[in-house]
C-alpha atoms as a PDB file:
ATOM      1  CA  MET A   1     126.506 109.257 122.076  1.00  0.00           C
ATOM      2  CA  GLY A   2     126.907 105.986 121.790  1.00  0.00           C
ATOM      3  CA  HIS A   3     123.094 104.277 121.050  1.00  0.00           C
ATOM      4  CA  ARG A   4     122.922 107.024 118.777  1.00  0.00           C
ATOM      5  CA  HIS A   5     125.898 106.041 117.003  1.00  0.00           C
ATOM      6  CA  LEU A   6     124.495 102.395 116.671  1.00  0.00           C
ATOM      7  CA  ASN A   7     120.882 103.350 115.718  1.00  0.00           C
ATOM      8  CA  GLY A   8     122.378 105.472 112.793  1.00  0.00           C
ATOM      9  CA  VAL A   9     124.822 102.724 111.643  1.00  0.00           C
ATOM     10  CA  LYS A  10     121.782 100.437 111.781  1.00  0.00           C
ATOM     11  CA  THR A  11     119.410 102.597 109.574  1.00  0.00           C
ATOM     12  CA  ALA A  12     121.934 102.766 107.047  1.00  0.00           C
ATOM     13  CA  ALA A  13     122.589  98.767 107.187  1.00  0.00           C
ATOM     14  CA  LEU A  14     118.627  98.036 106.934  1.00  0.00           C
ATOM     15  CA  PHE A  15     118.905 100.843 103.994  1.00  0.00           C
ATOM     16  CA  GLY A  16     121.387  98.863 102.242  1.00  0.00           C
ATOM     17  CA  VAL A  17     119.762  95.279 102.738  1.00  0.00           C
ATOM     18  CA  MET A  18     116.284  96.919 101.102  1.00  0.00           C
ATOM     19  CA  TRP A  19     118.541  98.169  98.179  1.00  0.00           C
ATOM     20  CA  ALA A  20     120.294  94.487  98.224  1.00  0.00           C
ATOM     21  CA  LEU A  21     117.019  92.944  97.601  1.00  0.00           C
ATOM     22  CA  LEU A  22     115.567  95.406  95.214  1.00  0.00           C
ATOM     23  CA  LEU A  23     118.678  94.767  92.958  1.00  0.00           C
ATOM     24  CA  GLY A  24     118.344  91.444  93.461  1.00  0.00           C
ATOM     25  CA  LEU A  25     115.111  91.262  91.824  1.00  0.00           C
ATOM     26  CA  TRP A  26     116.015  93.852  88.931  1.00  0.00           C
ATOM     27  CA  TYR A  27     118.930  91.056  88.194  1.00  0.00           C
ATOM     28  CA  LEU A  28     115.553  88.260  88.090  1.00  0.00           C
ATOM     29  CA  VAL A  29     113.335  90.394  86.861  1.00  0.00           C
ATOM     30  CA  ALA A  30     114.701  92.784  84.181  1.00  0.00           C
ATOM     31  CA  GLY A  31     117.653  90.656  82.528  1.00  0.00           C
ATOM     32  CA  ASP A  32     119.127  93.273  80.174  1.00  0.00           C
ATOM     33  CA  SER A  33     115.601  94.804  79.666  1.00  0.00           C
ATOM     34  CA  PRO A  34     115.198  97.404  82.860  1.00  0.00           C
ATOM     35  CA  GLY A  35     112.592  99.421  81.012  1.00  0.00           C
ATOM     36  CA  LEU A  36     109.669  98.286  82.983  1.00  0.00           C
ATOM     37  CA  LEU A  37     111.534  98.489  86.531  1.00  0.00           C
ATOM     38  CA  LEU A  38     112.396 101.997  85.676  1.00  0.00           C
ATOM     39  CA  LEU A  39     109.368 102.572  85.344  1.00  0.00           C
ATOM     40  CA  PHE A  40     108.207 101.377  88.710  1.00  0.00           C
ATOM     41  CA  SER A  41     110.794 103.133  90.184  1.00  0.00           C
ATOM     42  CA  ALA A  42     109.730 106.370  88.619  1.00  0.00           C
ATOM     43  CA  PHE A  43     106.136 105.368  89.967  1.00  0.00           C
ATOM     44  CA  GLY A  44     107.491 104.897  93.412  1.00  0.00           C
ATOM     45  CA  LEU A  45     109.770 107.956  93.692  1.00  0.00           C
ATOM     46  CA  ALA A  46     106.544 110.106  92.559  1.00  0.00           C
ATOM     47  CA  MET A  47     104.590 108.676  94.879  1.00  0.00           C
ATOM     48  CA  THR A  48     107.317 109.380  97.882  1.00  0.00           C
ATOM     49  CA  PHE A  49     107.322 112.774  96.969  1.00  0.00           C
ATOM     50  CA  TYR A  50     103.864 113.391  96.682  1.00  0.00           C
ATOM     51  CA  THR A  51     103.629 111.627 100.341  1.00  0.00           C
ATOM     52  CA  PHE A  52     106.216 113.136 101.974  1.00  0.00           C
ATOM     53  CA  TRP A  53     105.172 116.911  99.879  1.00  0.00           C
ATOM     54  CA  ASN A  54     102.148 116.179 102.077  1.00  0.00           C
ATOM     55  CA  SER A  55     102.764 114.495 105.624  1.00  0.00           C
ATOM     56  CA  ASP A  56     101.411 117.073 107.137  1.00  0.00           C
ATOM     57  CA  LYS A  57      98.106 117.314 105.692  1.00  0.00           C
ATOM     58  CA  LEU A  58      97.836 113.465 105.175  1.00  0.00           C
ATOM     59  CA  ALA A  59      98.298 112.736 108.841  1.00  0.00           C
ATOM     60  CA  ILE A  60      96.266 115.467 110.319  1.00  0.00           C
ATOM     61  CA  ARG A  61      93.164 114.862 107.795  1.00  0.00           C
ATOM     62  CA  SER A  62      93.389 110.937 108.766  1.00  0.00           C
ATOM     63  CA  MET A  63      93.300 112.049 113.238  1.00  0.00           C
ATOM     64  CA  HIS A  64      90.544 114.637 112.353  1.00  0.00           C
ATOM     65  CA  ALA A  65      92.362 117.222 114.491  1.00  0.00           C
ATOM     66  CA  ARG A  66      92.194 120.753 114.067  1.00  0.00           C
ATOM     67  CA  PRO A  67      94.783 123.946 114.892  1.00  0.00           C
ATOM     68  CA  VAL A  68      94.477 125.339 118.351  1.00  0.00           C
ATOM     69  CA  SER A  69      95.342 129.115 119.451  1.00  0.00           C
ATOM     70  CA  GLU A  70      97.406 129.464 122.588  1.00  0.00           C
ATOM     71  CA  LEU A  71      94.332 130.488 124.582  1.00  0.00           C
ATOM     72  CA  GLU A  72      92.998 126.788 123.763  1.00  0.00           C
ATOM     73  CA  ALA A  73      96.299 124.831 124.427  1.00  0.00           C
ATOM     74  CA  LEU A  74      98.482 127.106 126.540  1.00  0.00           C
ATOM     75  CA  ALA A  75     100.851 124.742 128.259  1.00  0.00           C
ATOM     76  CA  MET A  76     101.508 122.446 124.482  1.00  0.00           C
ATOM     77  CA  TYR A  77     102.385 126.163 123.004  1.00  0.00           C
ATOM     78  CA  ARG A  78     104.611 127.342 126.068  1.00  0.00           C
ATOM     79  CA  ILE A  79     106.439 124.213 126.030  1.00  0.00           C
ATOM     80  CA  VAL A  80     106.906 123.990 122.015  1.00  0.00           C
ATOM     81  CA  ARG A  81     107.902 127.593 122.246  1.00  0.00           C
ATOM     82  CA  GLU A  82     110.593 126.804 125.122  1.00  0.00           C
ATOM     83  CA  LEU A  83     112.024 123.609 123.133  1.00  0.00           C
ATOM     84  CA  SER A  84     111.913 125.425 119.974  1.00  0.00           C
ATOM     85  CA  THR A  85     113.481 128.121 121.040  1.00  0.00           C
ATOM     86  CA  ALA A  86     116.339 125.868 122.711  1.00  0.00           C
ATOM     87  CA  ALA A  87     116.707 123.929 119.371  1.00  0.00           C
ATOM     88  CA  ARG A  88     117.028 127.344 117.128  1.00  0.00           C
ATOM     89  CA  GLN A  89     114.227 125.652 115.285  1.00  0.00           C
ATOM     90  CA  PRO A  90     110.966 127.225 113.572  1.00  0.00           C
ATOM     91  CA  MET A  91     107.847 127.174 116.076  1.00  0.00           C
ATOM     92  CA  PRO A  92     105.486 124.469 114.103  1.00  0.00           C
ATOM     93  CA  ARG A  93     101.644 124.363 113.902  1.00  0.00           C
ATOM     94  CA  LEU A  94      99.939 123.022 116.149  1.00  0.00           C
ATOM     95  CA  TYR A  95      96.758 121.062 116.446  1.00  0.00           C
ATOM     96  CA  VAL A  96      94.762 118.723 118.900  1.00  0.00           C
ATOM     97  CA  SER A  97      92.643 115.403 117.519  1.00  0.00           C
ATOM     98  CA  PRO A  98      89.369 114.723 119.356  1.00  0.00           C
ATOM     99  CA  THR A  99      90.036 111.365 120.165  1.00  0.00           C
ATOM    100  CA  MET A 100      90.584 110.186 123.756  1.00  0.00           C
ATOM    101  CA  SER A 101      92.973 107.567 122.470  1.00  0.00           C
ATOM    102  CA  PRO A 102      96.372 108.886 124.303  1.00  0.00           C
ATOM    103  CA  ASN A 103      99.122 109.453 121.751  1.00  0.00           C
ATOM    104  CA  ALA A 104     100.775 112.350 119.760  1.00  0.00           C
ATOM    105  CA  PHE A 105     102.555 112.793 116.462  1.00  0.00           C
ATOM    106  CA  ALA A 106     104.645 115.112 114.397  1.00  0.00           C
ATOM    107  CA  THR A 107     104.996 115.423 110.685  1.00  0.00           C
ATOM    108  CA  GLY A 108     106.101 118.101 108.007  1.00  0.00           C
ATOM    109  CA  ARG A 109     108.689 118.074 105.449  1.00  0.00           C
ATOM    110  CA  SER A 110     110.504 120.029 107.165  1.00  0.00           C
ATOM    111  CA  PRO A 111     111.081 122.216 110.778  1.00  0.00           C
ATOM    112  CA  ARG A 112     109.855 125.188 108.504  1.00  0.00           C
ATOM    113  CA  HIS A 113     106.476 123.294 107.247  1.00  0.00           C
ATOM    114  CA  ALA A 114     106.309 121.147 110.376  1.00  0.00           C
ATOM    115  CA  ALA A 115     103.138 120.156 112.793  1.00  0.00           C
ATOM    116  CA  VAL A 116     102.398 118.545 115.888  1.00  0.00           C
ATOM    117  CA  CYS A 117      99.469 116.965 116.953  1.00  0.00           C
ATOM    118  CA  CYS A 118      98.322 115.853 120.302  1.00  0.00           C
ATOM    119  CA  THR A 119      94.793 113.566 121.193  1.00  0.00           C
ATOM    120  CA  GLU A 120      92.697 115.109 123.993  1.00  0.00           C
ATOM    121  CA  GLY A 121      93.285 111.467 125.269  1.00  0.00           C
ATOM    122  CA  LEU A 122      96.810 112.301 125.644  1.00  0.00           C
ATOM    123  CA  LEU A 123      96.308 116.154 127.227  1.00  0.00           C
ATOM    124  CA  ALA A 124      94.274 114.816 130.107  1.00  0.00           C
ATOM    125  CA  MET A 125      96.188 112.007 130.858  1.00  0.00           C
ATOM    126  CA  LEU A 126      99.676 113.293 131.073  1.00  0.00           C
ATOM    127  CA  ASP A 127     101.127 116.404 133.776  1.00  0.00           C
ATOM    128  CA  GLU A 128     102.760 119.201 131.957  1.00  0.00           C
ATOM    129  CA  ARG A 129     106.246 117.608 132.829  1.00  0.00           C
ATOM    130  CA  GLU A 130     105.252 114.757 130.750  1.00  0.00           C
ATOM    131  CA  LEU A 131     103.752 116.368 128.461  1.00  0.00           C
ATOM    132  CA  ARG A 132     107.491 118.084 128.048  1.00  0.00           C
ATOM    133  CA  GLY A 133     108.870 114.985 127.601  1.00  0.00           C
ATOM    134  CA  VAL A 134     106.394 113.454 124.921  1.00  0.00           C
ATOM    135  CA  LEU A 135     106.771 117.271 122.899  1.00  0.00           C
ATOM    136  CA  GLY A 136     110.330 117.029 122.830  1.00  0.00           C
ATOM    137  CA  HIS A 137     110.430 113.413 121.467  1.00  0.00           C
ATOM    138  CA  GLU A 138     107.972 114.884 118.946  1.00  0.00           C
ATOM    139  CA  LEU A 139     110.055 117.901 117.942  1.00  0.00           C
ATOM    140  CA  MET A 140     113.567 115.571 117.252  1.00  0.00           C
ATOM    141  CA  HIS A 141     111.219 113.618 114.267  1.00  0.00           C
ATOM    142  CA  VAL A 142     110.757 116.572 112.747  1.00  0.00           C
ATOM    143  CA  TYR A 143     114.666 118.120 113.525  1.00  0.00           C
ATOM    144  CA  ASN A 144     115.713 114.486 112.764  1.00  0.00           C
ATOM    145  CA  ARG A 145     114.430 114.210 109.371  1.00  0.00           C
ATOM    146  CA  ASP A 146     112.762 111.011 110.160  1.00  0.00           C
ATOM    147  CA  ILE A 147     109.433 111.682 107.887  1.00  0.00           C
ATOM    148  CA  LEU A 148     112.010 111.560 104.512  1.00  0.00           C
ATOM    149  CA  THR A 149     113.664 108.663 105.956  1.00  0.00           C
ATOM    150  CA  SER A 150     109.966 106.833 106.840  1.00  0.00           C
ATOM    151  CA  SER A 151     109.211 108.041 103.254  1.00  0.00           C
ATOM    152  CA  VAL A 152     112.141 106.673 101.233  1.00  0.00           C
ATOM    153  CA  ALA A 153     111.704 103.497 103.525  1.00  0.00           C
ATOM    154  CA  ALA A 154     107.730 103.286 102.604  1.00  0.00           C
ATOM    155  CA  ALA A 155     109.020 103.894  98.712  1.00  0.00           C
ATOM    156  CA  ILE A 156     111.494 101.486  98.443  1.00  0.00           C
ATOM    157  CA  ALA A 157     109.234  98.305  99.750  1.00  0.00           C
ATOM    158  CA  GLY A 158     106.608  99.440  97.740  1.00  0.00           C
ATOM    159  CA  VAL A 159     108.908  98.821  94.747  1.00  0.00           C
ATOM    160  CA  ILE A 160     110.165  95.787  95.639  1.00  0.00           C
ATOM    161  CA  SER A 161     106.431  94.338  96.315  1.00  0.00           C
ATOM    162  CA  SER A 162     105.434  95.456  92.679  1.00  0.00           C
ATOM    163  CA  VAL A 163     108.609  94.011  91.172  1.00  0.00           C
ATOM    164  CA  ALA A 164     107.871  91.061  93.407  1.00  0.00           C
ATOM    165  CA  ASN A 165     104.735  90.783  91.740  1.00  0.00           C
ATOM    166  CA  LEU A 166     106.001  91.480  88.247  1.00  0.00           C
ATOM    167  CA  LEU A 167     108.392  88.584  88.420  1.00  0.00           C
ATOM    168  CA  PHE A 168     105.190  85.994  89.438  1.00  0.00           C
ATOM    169  CA  PHE A 169     102.821  87.742  86.646  1.00  0.00           C
ATOM    170  CA  PHE A 170     105.765  87.524  83.720  1.00  0.00           C
ATOM    171  CA  GLY A 171     108.480  84.997  84.635  1.00  0.00           C
ATOM    172  CA  GLY A 172     111.591  87.383  84.921  1.00  0.00           C
ATOM    173  CA  SER A 173     113.848  87.443  82.455  1.00  0.00           C
ATOM    174  CA  ASP A 174     115.123  84.685  80.049  1.00  0.00           C
ATOM    175  CA  ARG A 175     117.948  83.531  82.863  1.00  0.00           C
ATOM    176  CA  ASP A 176     115.915  82.788  85.091  1.00  0.00           C
ATOM    177  CA  ARG A 177     112.145  81.655  84.523  1.00  0.00           C
ATOM    178  CA  ASN A 178     111.451  79.086  88.006  1.00  0.00           C
ATOM    179  CA  PRO A 179     107.835  78.955  88.914  1.00  0.00           C
ATOM    180  CA  LEU A 180     108.995  78.182  92.153  1.00  0.00           C
ATOM    181  CA  LEU A 181     111.715  80.809  92.451  1.00  0.00           C
ATOM    182  CA  ALA A 182     109.143  83.186  91.313  1.00  0.00           C
ATOM    183  CA  LEU A 183     106.335  82.406  93.452  1.00  0.00           C
ATOM    184  CA  ALA A 184     108.828  82.432  96.741  1.00  0.00           C
ATOM    185  CA  THR A 185     110.109  85.585  95.710  1.00  0.00           C
ATOM    186  CA  MET A 186     106.165  86.854  95.407  1.00  0.00           C
ATOM    187  CA  ILE A 187     105.885  86.114  99.595  1.00  0.00           C
ATOM    188  CA  VAL A 188     109.293  86.338 100.809  1.00  0.00           C
ATOM    189  CA  ALA A 189     110.800  89.870  99.157  1.00  0.00           C
ATOM    190  CA  PRO A 190     107.470  91.985 100.075  1.00  0.00           C
ATOM    191  CA  VAL A 191     107.539  90.808 103.406  1.00  0.00           C
ATOM    192  CA  ALA A 192     111.428  91.469 104.225  1.00  0.00           C
ATOM    193  CA  ALA A 193     111.041  94.595 102.921  1.00  0.00           C
ATOM    194  CA  THR A 194     107.842  94.704 105.077  1.00  0.00           C
ATOM    195  CA  VAL A 195     110.041  93.856 108.016  1.00  0.00           C
ATOM    196  CA  ILE A 196     113.024  95.901 107.048  1.00  0.00           C
ATOM    197  CA  GLN A 197     110.821  99.011 107.158  1.00  0.00           C
ATOM    198  CA  LEU A 198     109.432  98.752 110.359  1.00  0.00           C
ATOM    199  CA  ALA A 199     112.525  97.841 111.969  1.00  0.00           C
ATOM    200  CA  ILE A 200     113.958 101.512 110.202  1.00  0.00           C
ATOM    201  CA  SER A 201     110.996 103.337 112.350  1.00  0.00           C
ATOM    202  CA  ARG A 202     111.463 101.540 115.279  1.00  0.00           C
ATOM    203  CA  THR A 203     115.172 102.415 114.944  1.00  0.00           C
ATOM    204  CA  ARG A 204     113.983 105.970 114.516  1.00  0.00           C
ATOM    205  CA  GLU A 205     111.775 105.712 117.457  1.00  0.00           C
ATOM    206  CA  TYR A 206     114.605 105.045 119.988  1.00  0.00           C
ATOM    207  CA  ASP A 207     116.493 108.015 118.738  1.00  0.00           C
ATOM    208  CA  ALA A 208     114.082 110.525 118.953  1.00  0.00           C
ATOM    209  CA  ASP A 209     113.486 109.011 122.591  1.00  0.00           C
ATOM    210  CA  GLN A 210     117.011 109.975 122.960  1.00  0.00           C
ATOM    211  CA  ASP A 211     117.604 113.049 121.424  1.00  0.00           C
ATOM    212  CA  GLY A 212     113.760 114.572 122.911  1.00  0.00           C
ATOM    213  CA  ALA A 213     115.400 113.397 126.115  1.00  0.00           C
ATOM    214  CA  ARG A 214     118.472 115.698 125.419  1.00  0.00           C
ATOM    215  CA  LEU A 215     116.360 118.800 124.515  1.00  0.00           C
ATOM    216  CA  THR A 216     114.036 118.894 127.314  1.00  0.00           C
ATOM    217  CA  GLY A 217     117.085 117.232 129.916  1.00  0.00           C
ATOM    218  CA  ASP A 218     114.469 114.853 131.405  1.00  0.00           C
ATOM    219  CA  PRO A 219     114.472 111.639 130.802  1.00  0.00           C
ATOM    220  CA  LEU A 220     112.627 110.276 133.405  1.00  0.00           C
ATOM    221  CA  ALA A 221     109.354 112.277 132.042  1.00  0.00           C
ATOM    222  CA  LEU A 222     109.223 110.812 128.665  1.00  0.00           C
ATOM    223  CA  ALA A 223     109.731 107.001 130.641  1.00  0.00           C
ATOM    224  CA  SER A 224     106.906 108.129 132.559  1.00  0.00           C
ATOM    225  CA  ALA A 225     105.173 109.431 129.636  1.00  0.00           C
ATOM    226  CA  LEU A 226     105.404 106.282 127.958  1.00  0.00           C
ATOM    227  CA  ARG A 227     104.479 104.079 130.882  1.00  0.00           C
ATOM    228  CA  LYS A 228     100.955 105.808 130.954  1.00  0.00           C
ATOM    229  CA  LEU A 229     100.441 105.894 127.351  1.00  0.00           C
ATOM    230  CA  GLU A 230     101.142 102.114 126.864  1.00  0.00           C
ATOM    231  CA  ALA A 231      98.247 101.614 129.441  1.00  0.00           C
ATOM    232  CA  GLY A 232      96.240 104.323 127.605  1.00  0.00           C
ATOM    233  CA  THR A 233      96.354 103.003 123.888  1.00  0.00           C
ATOM    234  CA  ALA A 234      95.558  99.383 125.374  1.00  0.00           C
ATOM    235  CA  ARG A 235      92.230 100.950 127.052  1.00  0.00           C
ATOM    236  CA  ALA A 236      91.453 102.935 124.193  1.00  0.00           C
ATOM    237  CA  PRO A 237      93.025 101.660 120.311  1.00  0.00           C
ATOM    238  CA  LEU A 238      92.062 103.740 117.862  1.00  0.00           C
ATOM    239  CA  PRO A 239      90.466 101.412 114.885  1.00  0.00           C
ATOM    240  CA  ALA A 240      92.533  99.726 112.431  1.00  0.00           C
ATOM    241  CA  THR A 241      91.490 101.442 109.683  1.00  0.00           C
ATOM    242  CA  GLN A 242      93.543 101.656 106.383  1.00  0.00           C
ATOM    243  CA  ASP A 243      94.179 105.480 106.797  1.00  0.00           C
ATOM    244  CA  LEU A 244      95.237 105.418 110.345  1.00  0.00           C
ATOM    245  CA  ALA A 245      97.179 102.245 110.023  1.00  0.00           C
ATOM    246  CA  ASP A 246      99.178 104.739 107.292  1.00  0.00           C
ATOM    247  CA  VAL A 247     100.201 106.888 109.576  1.00  0.00           C
ATOM    248  CA  SER A 248     100.181 105.021 112.850  1.00  0.00           C
ATOM    249  CA  HIS A 249     104.522 104.902 112.245  1.00  0.00           C
ATOM    250  CA  LEU A 250     104.520 108.760 112.981  1.00  0.00           C
ATOM    251  CA  MET A 251     102.970 108.026 116.383  1.00  0.00           C
ATOM    252  CA  ILE A 252     104.809 108.185 120.075  1.00  0.00           C
ATOM    253  CA  ALA A 253     103.055 104.691 120.744  1.00  0.00           C
ATOM    254  CA  ASN A 254     101.358 101.763 118.675  1.00  0.00           C
ATOM    255  CA  PRO A 255      97.751 103.068 118.607  1.00  0.00           C
ATOM    256  CA  PHE A 256      96.359  99.470 117.671  1.00  0.00           C
ATOM    257  CA  ARG A 257      96.262  96.014 119.858  1.00  0.00           C
ATOM    258  CA  ALA A 258      99.220  94.630 119.811  1.00  0.00           C
ATOM    259  CA  GLY A 259     100.678  91.062 120.648  1.00  0.00           C
ATOM    260  CA  GLY A 260     102.074  87.600 119.373  1.00  0.00           C
ATOM    261  CA  ILE A 261     102.964  87.514 116.154  1.00  0.00           C
ATOM    262  CA  ALA A 262     101.819  91.062 115.541  1.00  0.00           C
ATOM    263  CA  SER A 263     104.856  92.154 117.476  1.00  0.00           C
ATOM    264  CA  LEU A 264     107.522  91.177 114.021  1.00  0.00           C
ATOM    265  CA  PHE A 265     105.147  93.836 112.354  1.00  0.00           C
ATOM    266  CA  ALA A 266     104.894  96.382 115.069  1.00  0.00           C
ATOM    267  CA  THR A 267     106.340 100.114 114.044  1.00  0.00           C
ATOM    268  CA  HIS A 268     107.125 100.505 117.453  1.00  0.00           C
ATOM    269  CA  PRO A 269     109.643  98.959 119.608  1.00  0.00           C
ATOM    270  CA  PRO A 270     108.525  97.463 122.900  1.00  0.00           C
ATOM    271  CA  MET A 271     107.490  99.952 125.324  1.00  0.00           C
ATOM    272  CA  ASN A 272     109.365  98.187 128.241  1.00  0.00           C
ATOM    273  CA  GLN A 273     112.930  98.630 126.321  1.00  0.00           C
ATOM    274  CA  ARG A 274     111.903 102.203 125.621  1.00  0.00           C
ATOM    275  CA  ILE A 275     111.723 103.323 129.168  1.00  0.00           C
ATOM    276  CA  ALA A 276     114.783 100.712 130.032  1.00  0.00           C
ATOM    277  CA  ARG A 277     116.957 102.872 127.851  1.00  0.00           C
ATOM    278  CA  LEU A 278     115.600 105.775 129.077  1.00  0.00           C
ATOM    279  CA  GLU A 279     116.469 105.094 132.855  1.00  0.00           C
ATOM    280  CA  ALA A 280     119.821 104.458 131.896  1.00  0.00           C
ATOM    281  CA  MET A 281     120.253 107.666 129.899  1.00  0.00           C
ATOM    282  CA  ALA A 282     118.961 109.413 133.474  1.00  0.00           C
ATOM    283  CA  GLY A 283     121.703 107.561 135.617  1.00  0.00           C
ATOM    284  CA  ARG A 284     123.942 109.076 133.224  1.00  0.00           C
ATOM    285  CA  PHE A 285     122.334 112.478 133.605  1.00  0.00           C
END
């Protein structure tokens, strides 16, 4: 429980930093006339609501996934039904994506409107015990309301970027029209907001790992699956198109090629750290 409590505090702290950054920009841009910023914020909230409400449709469409029947995916249905029953939650809709890049994701605005998707590559690569570990992880994203968390973080980051651009082009309020400050703010603020947004995503991945391992009672199964996924996604990464980039944070493993400075902007924690935490967890079981 210590790690989970720490991750929750970390998520709250990161949201606090994002709000502080937004309020600082509000001070620089709006001055005593906050009307335009209110318009940006309202637009951001509207986009957040649309994305959150339709998150399952958007993610499934981007992966070209199709619904599968129990006869087509017997093991997947059996595992998800067992874990949903153990968690006292409704059964989600199940999908399979026709790609050999191994991955999985869960999405949906609530447990009653959830969908879980596995790629054909993942189903071919993992044994049933490892698949159970992965599905436990994905179900906990739904139960922990991580789709809402990520939607709010993305909305705040988007508003910060819009406000920073506003400061650059219109110079902010009368209290501060320093062009160098405006230029620095336009560059630094969106980057900082993106880094914080991704840090929130990485924190939620740690929580889903640990909560999913508690749900299945088998941390080493998920650790074994993550090792295979790391190798599998390196061999067969997804193309870095915009529609896939928009949903990559939902997936259990980073679907793109990574390395170097890209790790700063990764939506997922390093696999070796996730595996180490799960192995330590297994030692306490």
